Every structure is written in C-alpha cells, then in structure tokens.
C-alpha cells in the first residue's frame, strides 16, 4: 500500500480534494478524513483556545486510531490517503505555542507524543501540498459553514499559513507535488498520475 498525504493549511481544500480522489480512484483507495466534528473540544477550543488547545490537539492525534485502515490487513487497498498528515498537527500546535495558548511543556509533550506515534505508523510515500492565497482560504472557510470559524481573526489565517509555508520546505521535494488552489481549478488527472507513478 502506498501512503499519500494531502497537506495544507486550514481551509486550503484538503477534504474537497480527498473526496474527488476517492470518487476517481474508487475501491483502489482507503483514507483517513480529518473530522473536526468528532473532536468534543472543537467548539470550546475556538471559544477559549488557551483553555482547550492541549485537549483539542491530543484529540486530533487520537482520531487517527478510530478506524486505523492505514494498518492494512486483509482489506488492504492500493493507496491510503491522509486528509492532513499526522505531523501537520504539530504546525497548528506551534502556532498555539506562539500565541501562548500552549505552554512550552504542553507543546513538548505533544511533540513527543506525535513523534512517538509517527514512529509506529507507515512512512508517507508522497505528499500533495495545497498552496493558496489568504483570500482563497477565507473563501473556503466561509463556504463550509462551520459556526465556530465565523469569528476567526484574519491574522490567525495569515500566521498559520506562514507556519505551513515554512513546514512545506521540510517536505522531500522529489516526493511532493504542489497544487495551486487559487482560482478553483486544478488538474485532477495530474494528481492521479503523481499518486500512481
């Protein structure tokens, strides 16, 4: 099984692309979808991030184990897609550390936990990085209708995108496809060819 991570900042279009790839690849693919609706702290997190950041981040890490199809087994598919790769959670945790919503000790615990779990998971074979402007991120976030995102500060989006752009530079260029999400159109077949190659 090949492991493919769809990466990008909040609102870049990861879940939408995941849906299109599932429809295109059919039974050849299984996946992990990020499910903020299954995080019991998500509304509290956006209302009081200092109080609930640690709880929310630990919960997002735990959701990878609700239905761990990434382990393979008798129903193993050709490809496994991650809607946000595991270590992207640390980009958001770093933002919360910078905002003083996490203490240094809390951040260090999250990093240790994430790195430990990562060592037990299959390595990512390829990365699809969704790059877009702040304007596109805002458009995507407004379009998905999550009430807890309604009052997000513009600087949250700008600062988080900056951290994602820095994290992108750590990805292996020979195994990473960058997709520009501005304008609402991209070549799905190019992405499929990248996955299949």
Protein backbone atom coordinates (compact mmCIF):
# COMPACT_ATOMS: atom_id res chain seq x y z
CA UNK A 1 0.00 0.00 0.00
CA UNK A 2 1.26 3.50 -0.86
CA UNK A 3 0.64 6.23 1.70
CA UNK A 4 -0.24 9.65 0.32
CA UNK A 5 -0.66 12.76 2.48
CA UNK A 6 -2.85 15.64 1.34
CA UNK A 7 -1.37 18.63 3.16
CA UNK A 8 -2.09 22.30 3.52
CA UNK A 9 -3.20 24.95 5.94
CA UNK A 10 -6.70 25.17 7.39
CA UNK A 11 -9.14 25.93 4.56
CA UNK A 12 -6.80 25.04 1.69
CA UNK A 13 -9.15 22.41 0.24
CA UNK A 14 -7.77 19.11 1.56
CA UNK A 15 -11.11 17.44 2.30
CA UNK A 16 -12.60 18.54 -1.03
CA UNK A 17 -9.64 17.10 -2.93
CA UNK A 18 -9.86 13.91 -0.86
CA UNK A 19 -13.48 13.49 -1.93
CA UNK A 20 -12.60 13.94 -5.60
CA UNK A 21 -9.76 11.42 -5.36
CA UNK A 22 -11.96 8.86 -3.62
CA UNK A 23 -14.54 9.24 -6.39
CA UNK A 24 -11.84 8.95 -9.07
CA UNK A 25 -9.86 6.02 -7.58
CA UNK A 26 -12.81 4.11 -6.14
CA UNK A 27 -12.02 0.77 -4.46
CA UNK A 28 -8.30 1.26 -5.03
CA UNK A 29 -8.17 3.72 -2.13
CA UNK A 30 -8.89 3.89 1.59
CA UNK A 31 -8.45 7.02 3.66
CA UNK A 32 -8.37 8.92 6.92
CA UNK A 33 -10.55 12.01 6.87
CA UNK A 34 -9.94 14.78 9.35
CA UNK A 35 -13.15 15.01 11.36
CA UNK A 36 -13.32 18.18 13.46
CA UNK A 37 -16.96 17.35 14.18
CA UNK A 38 -15.72 14.30 16.16
CA UNK A 39 -13.48 16.42 18.37
CA UNK A 40 -15.58 17.10 21.50
CA UNK A 41 -13.39 20.12 22.33
CA UNK A 42 -13.54 21.87 18.95
CA UNK A 43 -16.19 24.48 19.80
CA UNK A 44 -14.60 25.18 23.19
CA UNK A 45 -11.20 25.36 21.51
CA UNK A 46 -12.27 28.16 19.18
CA UNK A 47 -14.09 29.97 22.00
CA UNK A 48 -11.20 29.73 24.51
CA UNK A 49 -8.05 28.44 22.81
CA UNK A 50 -5.84 28.99 25.87
CA UNK A 51 -8.01 26.66 27.96
CA UNK A 52 -8.68 23.97 25.35
CA UNK A 53 -5.71 23.86 22.92
CA UNK A 54 -3.94 20.94 24.59
CA UNK A 55 -7.13 18.91 24.86
CA UNK A 56 -8.05 19.59 21.25
CA UNK A 57 -4.60 18.72 19.88
CA UNK A 58 -4.44 15.42 21.78
CA UNK A 59 -7.91 14.57 20.49
CA UNK A 60 -6.93 15.23 16.87
CA UNK A 61 -3.94 12.89 17.31
CA UNK A 62 -6.21 10.21 18.79
CA UNK A 63 -8.68 10.35 15.89
CA UNK A 64 -6.13 8.61 13.65
CA UNK A 65 -6.85 5.46 15.64
CA UNK A 66 -10.66 5.40 15.50
CA UNK A 67 -10.62 3.34 12.31
CA UNK A 68 -6.97 2.62 11.56
CA UNK A 69 -7.29 1.41 7.96
CA UNK A 70 -3.75 2.68 7.47
CA UNK A 71 -2.57 -0.54 9.15
CA UNK A 72 -3.58 -2.52 6.05
CA UNK A 73 -4.67 -6.10 6.61
CA UNK A 74 -7.00 -8.36 4.65
CA UNK A 75 -8.91 -5.45 3.08
CA UNK A 76 -5.76 -3.57 2.09
CA UNK A 77 -6.14 -1.15 -0.81
CA UNK A 78 -3.58 0.06 -3.32
CA UNK A 79 -3.44 3.57 -1.85
CA UNK A 80 -4.12 5.14 1.52
CA UNK A 81 -4.87 8.89 1.62
CA UNK A 82 -4.47 11.10 4.69
CA UNK A 83 -6.61 14.23 4.87
CA UNK A 84 -3.86 16.11 6.71
CA UNK A 85 -0.80 14.07 7.54
CA UNK A 86 -0.16 13.21 11.14
CA UNK A 87 2.69 15.65 11.79
CA UNK A 88 0.76 18.62 10.39
CA UNK A 89 -0.93 18.72 13.77
CA UNK A 90 2.38 20.00 15.15
CA UNK A 91 2.25 23.00 12.81
CA UNK A 92 -1.02 24.03 14.46
CA UNK A 93 0.42 23.25 17.88
CA UNK A 94 3.40 25.50 17.08
CA UNK A 95 1.01 28.31 16.19
CA UNK A 96 -0.78 27.84 19.52
CA UNK A 97 2.58 27.90 21.31
CA UNK A 98 3.43 31.20 19.62
CA UNK A 99 0.05 32.58 20.69
CA UNK A 100 0.75 31.41 24.27
CA UNK A 101 -2.30 29.14 24.15
CA UNK A 102 0.04 26.21 24.86
CA UNK A 103 2.85 26.26 27.39
CA UNK A 104 6.29 25.08 26.31
CA UNK A 105 5.79 21.92 28.39
CA UNK A 106 2.44 21.19 26.71
CA UNK A 107 3.96 21.73 23.27
CA UNK A 108 6.92 19.47 24.12
CA UNK A 109 4.53 16.73 25.28
CA UNK A 110 2.53 16.99 22.06
CA UNK A 111 5.73 16.76 20.00
CA UNK A 112 6.96 13.73 21.95
CA UNK A 113 3.58 12.02 21.64
CA UNK A 114 3.27 12.79 17.91
CA UNK A 115 6.83 11.72 17.08
CA UNK A 116 6.40 8.52 19.08
CA UNK A 117 3.17 7.61 17.33
CA UNK A 118 4.67 8.55 13.95
CA UNK A 119 7.47 6.04 14.51
CA UNK A 120 4.84 3.29 14.75
CA UNK A 121 2.96 4.36 11.60
CA UNK A 122 3.88 3.54 7.99
CA UNK A 123 6.03 6.27 6.40
CA UNK A 124 4.44 8.66 3.92
CA UNK A 125 5.39 7.79 0.34
CA UNK A 126 4.20 11.03 -1.29
CA UNK A 127 2.88 14.44 -0.32
CA UNK A 128 0.33 16.60 -2.13
CA UNK A 129 0.73 20.14 -0.81
CA UNK A 130 -2.18 22.52 -1.43
CA UNK A 131 -0.89 26.06 -1.76
CA UNK A 132 -3.23 29.04 -1.91
CA UNK A 133 -3.63 32.68 -1.04
CA UNK A 134 -5.19 34.03 2.13
CA UNK A 135 -8.16 35.16 0.02
CA UNK A 136 -8.80 31.60 -1.16
CA UNK A 137 -8.52 30.27 2.39
CA UNK A 138 -11.11 32.81 3.57
CA UNK A 139 -13.43 31.89 0.70
CA UNK A 140 -13.15 28.17 1.50
CA UNK A 141 -13.72 28.70 5.22
CA UNK A 142 -16.79 30.87 4.66
CA UNK A 143 -18.18 28.31 2.22
CA UNK A 144 -18.07 25.38 4.61
CA UNK A 145 -20.35 26.96 7.21
CA UNK A 146 -18.68 25.96 10.46
CA UNK A 147 -20.07 28.34 13.08
CA UNK A 148 -17.02 28.12 15.32
CA UNK A 149 -14.88 29.54 12.46
CA UNK A 150 -17.07 32.61 11.91
CA UNK A 151 -15.12 34.89 14.26
CA UNK A 152 -11.59 33.86 13.31
CA UNK A 153 -9.14 36.72 13.14
CA UNK A 154 -7.52 37.38 9.75
CA UNK A 155 -4.10 37.24 11.44
CA UNK A 156 -4.85 33.65 12.51
CA UNK A 157 -5.06 32.68 8.85
CA UNK A 158 -2.00 34.74 7.86
CA UNK A 159 0.18 33.48 10.71
CA UNK A 160 -0.87 29.85 10.31
CA UNK A 161 -0.26 29.99 6.56
CA UNK A 162 3.24 31.36 7.25
CA UNK A 163 3.99 28.38 9.52
CA UNK A 164 2.64 25.99 6.88
CA UNK A 165 4.82 27.59 4.21
CA UNK A 166 7.84 27.04 6.47
CA UNK A 167 6.82 23.42 7.15
CA UNK A 168 6.39 22.83 3.40
CA UNK A 169 10.12 23.47 2.98
CA UNK A 170 10.85 20.40 5.14
CA UNK A 171 8.99 18.05 2.76
CA UNK A 172 11.08 15.95 0.35
CA UNK A 173 10.81 17.79 -2.98
CA UNK A 174 11.23 14.63 -5.05
CA UNK A 175 8.14 13.13 -3.38
CA UNK A 176 5.99 16.26 -3.18
CA UNK A 177 3.50 17.68 -5.68
CA UNK A 178 2.46 21.29 -5.11
CA UNK A 179 -1.06 22.16 -6.27
CA UNK A 180 -2.12 25.80 -6.59
CA UNK A 181 -5.68 26.07 -5.26
CA UNK A 182 -6.30 29.69 -6.27
CA UNK A 183 -8.93 30.08 -8.96
CA UNK A 184 -10.80 26.92 -8.01
CA UNK A 185 -9.44 24.69 -10.77
CA UNK A 186 -6.61 22.19 -10.83
CA UNK A 187 -5.72 19.15 -12.92
CA UNK A 188 -7.10 16.12 -11.06
CA UNK A 189 -5.55 13.74 -13.58
CA UNK A 190 -2.10 15.21 -12.93
CA UNK A 191 -2.59 14.46 -9.24
CA UNK A 192 -3.72 10.91 -10.01
CA UNK A 193 -0.67 10.36 -12.23
CA UNK A 194 1.56 11.60 -9.39
CA UNK A 195 -0.10 9.17 -6.95
CA UNK A 196 0.16 6.23 -9.37
CA UNK A 197 3.76 6.84 -10.51
